[in-house]
Amino acid sequence: MKVKLLYFASLRERFGTAEEILELPGEQSRVAMLVDVLRQRGAPWSELLSVDYPYRVAVNQELAGLISPLKDGDEVAIFPPVTGG
């Protein structure tokens, strides 16, 4: 299963990329699994996607929680709670 990831604001700057395509195992997943895969990359991913750091997730342009399902071809945006200009 492939999802398109978009990173915004300070996350984009710290991760050094605005977007990527990520392949996840299986045909379906949840946002929590995606976040875990990203955290396994180490710093800064593990720091900025920790439970202590505020971030938001949207799936196909709708706000989503960690238990939200993902399917092949979804667009997942990850951003700080407040983004500007």
C-alpha atoms as a PDB file:
ATOM      1  CA  MET A   1       0.000   0.000   0.000  1.00  0.00           C
ATOM      2  CA  LYS A   2       1.371   3.414  -0.949  1.00  0.00           C
ATOM      3  CA  VAL A   3       0.407   6.745   0.578  1.00  0.00           C
ATOM      4  CA  LYS A   4       1.473  10.241  -0.363  1.00  0.00           C
ATOM      5  CA  LEU A   5       2.837  12.212   2.575  1.00  0.00           C
ATOM      6  CA  LEU A   6       2.837  16.007   2.712  1.00  0.00           C
ATOM      7  CA  TYR A   7       4.761  17.919   5.383  1.00  0.00           C
ATOM      8  CA  PHE A   8       4.024  21.547   6.220  1.00  0.00           C
ATOM      9  CA  ALA A   9       5.581  24.510   8.013  1.00  0.00           C
ATOM     10  CA  SER A  10       8.282  23.731  10.581  1.00  0.00           C
ATOM     11  CA  LEU A  11       7.927  19.971  10.022  1.00  0.00           C
ATOM     12  CA  ARG A  12       8.768  20.385   6.347  1.00  0.00           C
ATOM     13  CA  GLU A  13      11.847  22.396   7.289  1.00  0.00           C
ATOM     14  CA  ARG A  14      13.061  19.950   9.942  1.00  0.00           C
ATOM     15  CA  PHE A  15      12.395  16.825   7.852  1.00  0.00           C
ATOM     16  CA  GLY A  16      14.055  18.408   4.819  1.00  0.00           C
ATOM     17  CA  THR A  17      11.263  17.475   2.432  1.00  0.00           C
ATOM     18  CA  ALA A  18       7.815  18.706   1.487  1.00  0.00           C
ATOM     19  CA  GLU A  19       6.426  15.377   0.287  1.00  0.00           C
ATOM     20  CA  GLU A  20       7.181  11.735  -0.368  1.00  0.00           C
ATOM     21  CA  ILE A  21       5.543   8.471  -1.338  1.00  0.00           C
ATOM     22  CA  LEU A  22       5.763   5.831   1.378  1.00  0.00           C
ATOM     23  CA  GLU A  23       4.996   2.148   1.023  1.00  0.00           C
ATOM     24  CA  LEU A  24       3.356   0.505   4.028  1.00  0.00           C
ATOM     25  CA  PRO A  25       2.846  -3.232   4.488  1.00  0.00           C
ATOM     26  CA  GLY A  26      -0.614  -4.660   3.840  1.00  0.00           C
ATOM     27  CA  GLU A  27      -3.625  -3.348   1.999  1.00  0.00           C
ATOM     28  CA  GLN A  28      -4.945  -1.194   4.836  1.00  0.00           C
ATOM     29  CA  SER A  29      -3.429   0.526   7.824  1.00  0.00           C
ATOM     30  CA  ARG A  30      -4.068   3.236  10.392  1.00  0.00           C
ATOM     31  CA  VAL A  31      -2.481   6.628  10.956  1.00  0.00           C
ATOM     32  CA  ALA A  32      -0.819   5.288  14.135  1.00  0.00           C
ATOM     33  CA  MET A  33       1.087   2.664  12.148  1.00  0.00           C
ATOM     34  CA  LEU A  34       2.250   5.285   9.666  1.00  0.00           C
ATOM     35  CA  VAL A  35       3.470   7.535  12.479  1.00  0.00           C
ATOM     36  CA  ASP A  36       5.307   4.590  14.070  1.00  0.00           C
ATOM     37  CA  VAL A  37       7.065   3.846  10.773  1.00  0.00           C
ATOM     38  CA  LEU A  38       8.152   7.492  10.520  1.00  0.00           C
ATOM     39  CA  ARG A  39       9.358   7.580  14.146  1.00  0.00           C
ATOM     40  CA  GLN A  40      11.595   4.589  13.459  1.00  0.00           C
ATOM     41  CA  ARG A  41      13.669   6.801  11.159  1.00  0.00           C
ATOM     42  CA  GLY A  42      15.199   8.368  14.272  1.00  0.00           C
ATOM     43  CA  ALA A  43      15.775  12.067  14.896  1.00  0.00           C
ATOM     44  CA  PRO A  44      14.200  14.451  13.986  1.00  0.00           C
ATOM     45  CA  TRP A  45      11.238  12.190  13.089  1.00  0.00           C
ATOM     46  CA  SER A  46      11.062  10.508  16.498  1.00  0.00           C
ATOM     47  CA  GLU A  47      11.241  13.868  18.273  1.00  0.00           C
ATOM     48  CA  LEU A  48       8.719  15.801  16.182  1.00  0.00           C
ATOM     49  CA  LEU A  49       6.179  12.976  15.983  1.00  0.00           C
ATOM     50  CA  SER A  50       6.351  12.075  19.664  1.00  0.00           C
ATOM     51  CA  VAL A  51       3.349  12.225  21.982  1.00  0.00           C
ATOM     52  CA  ASP A  52       4.962  15.277  23.617  1.00  0.00           C
ATOM     53  CA  TYR A  53       5.095  17.333  20.420  1.00  0.00           C
ATOM     54  CA  PRO A  54       1.862  18.790  19.051  1.00  0.00           C
ATOM     55  CA  TYR A  55       1.144  17.876  15.448  1.00  0.00           C
ATOM     56  CA  ARG A  56      -1.974  17.324  13.368  1.00  0.00           C
ATOM     57  CA  VAL A  57      -2.793  14.817  10.641  1.00  0.00           C
ATOM     58  CA  ALA A  58      -5.225  15.059   7.760  1.00  0.00           C
ATOM     59  CA  VAL A  59      -6.168  12.186   5.463  1.00  0.00           C
ATOM     60  CA  ASN A  60      -7.467  13.266   2.071  1.00  0.00           C
ATOM     61  CA  GLN A  61      -7.840  16.827   3.401  1.00  0.00           C
ATOM     62  CA  GLU A  62      -9.934  15.872   6.442  1.00  0.00           C
ATOM     63  CA  LEU A  63      -8.555  16.026   9.979  1.00  0.00           C
ATOM     64  CA  ALA A  64      -7.787  12.544  11.254  1.00  0.00           C
ATOM     65  CA  GLY A  65      -6.797  10.819  14.469  1.00  0.00           C
ATOM     66  CA  LEU A  66      -4.317   8.046  15.118  1.00  0.00           C
ATOM     67  CA  ILE A  67      -7.027   5.398  14.745  1.00  0.00           C
ATOM     68  CA  SER A  68      -8.164   6.724  11.362  1.00  0.00           C
ATOM     69  CA  PRO A  69      -7.855   4.119   8.618  1.00  0.00           C
ATOM     70  CA  LEU A  70      -5.560   4.459   5.620  1.00  0.00           C
ATOM     71  CA  LYS A  71      -5.880   2.830   2.233  1.00  0.00           C
ATOM     72  CA  ASP A  72      -3.804   2.675  -0.914  1.00  0.00           C
ATOM     73  CA  GLY A  73      -3.490   6.049  -2.622  1.00  0.00           C
ATOM     74  CA  ASP A  74      -4.462   8.190   0.384  1.00  0.00           C
ATOM     75  CA  GLU A  75      -2.896  11.611   0.814  1.00  0.00           C
ATOM     76  CA  VAL A  76      -1.690  12.205   4.378  1.00  0.00           C
ATOM     77  CA  ALA A  77      -0.702  15.684   5.528  1.00  0.00           C
ATOM     78  CA  ILE A  78       1.246  16.191   8.746  1.00  0.00           C
ATOM     79  CA  PHE A  79       1.554  19.702  10.151  1.00  0.00           C
ATOM     80  CA  PRO A  80       1.949  21.688  13.373  1.00  0.00           C
ATOM     81  CA  PRO A  81      -1.312  22.763  15.032  1.00  0.00           C
ATOM     82  CA  VAL A  82      -0.900  26.328  13.766  1.00  0.00           C
ATOM     83  CA  THR A  83       0.450  27.018  10.317  1.00  0.00           C
ATOM     84  CA  GLY A  84       0.743  30.346   8.649  1.00  0.00           C
ATOM     85  CA  GLY A  85       1.366  31.926   5.266  1.00  0.00           C
END
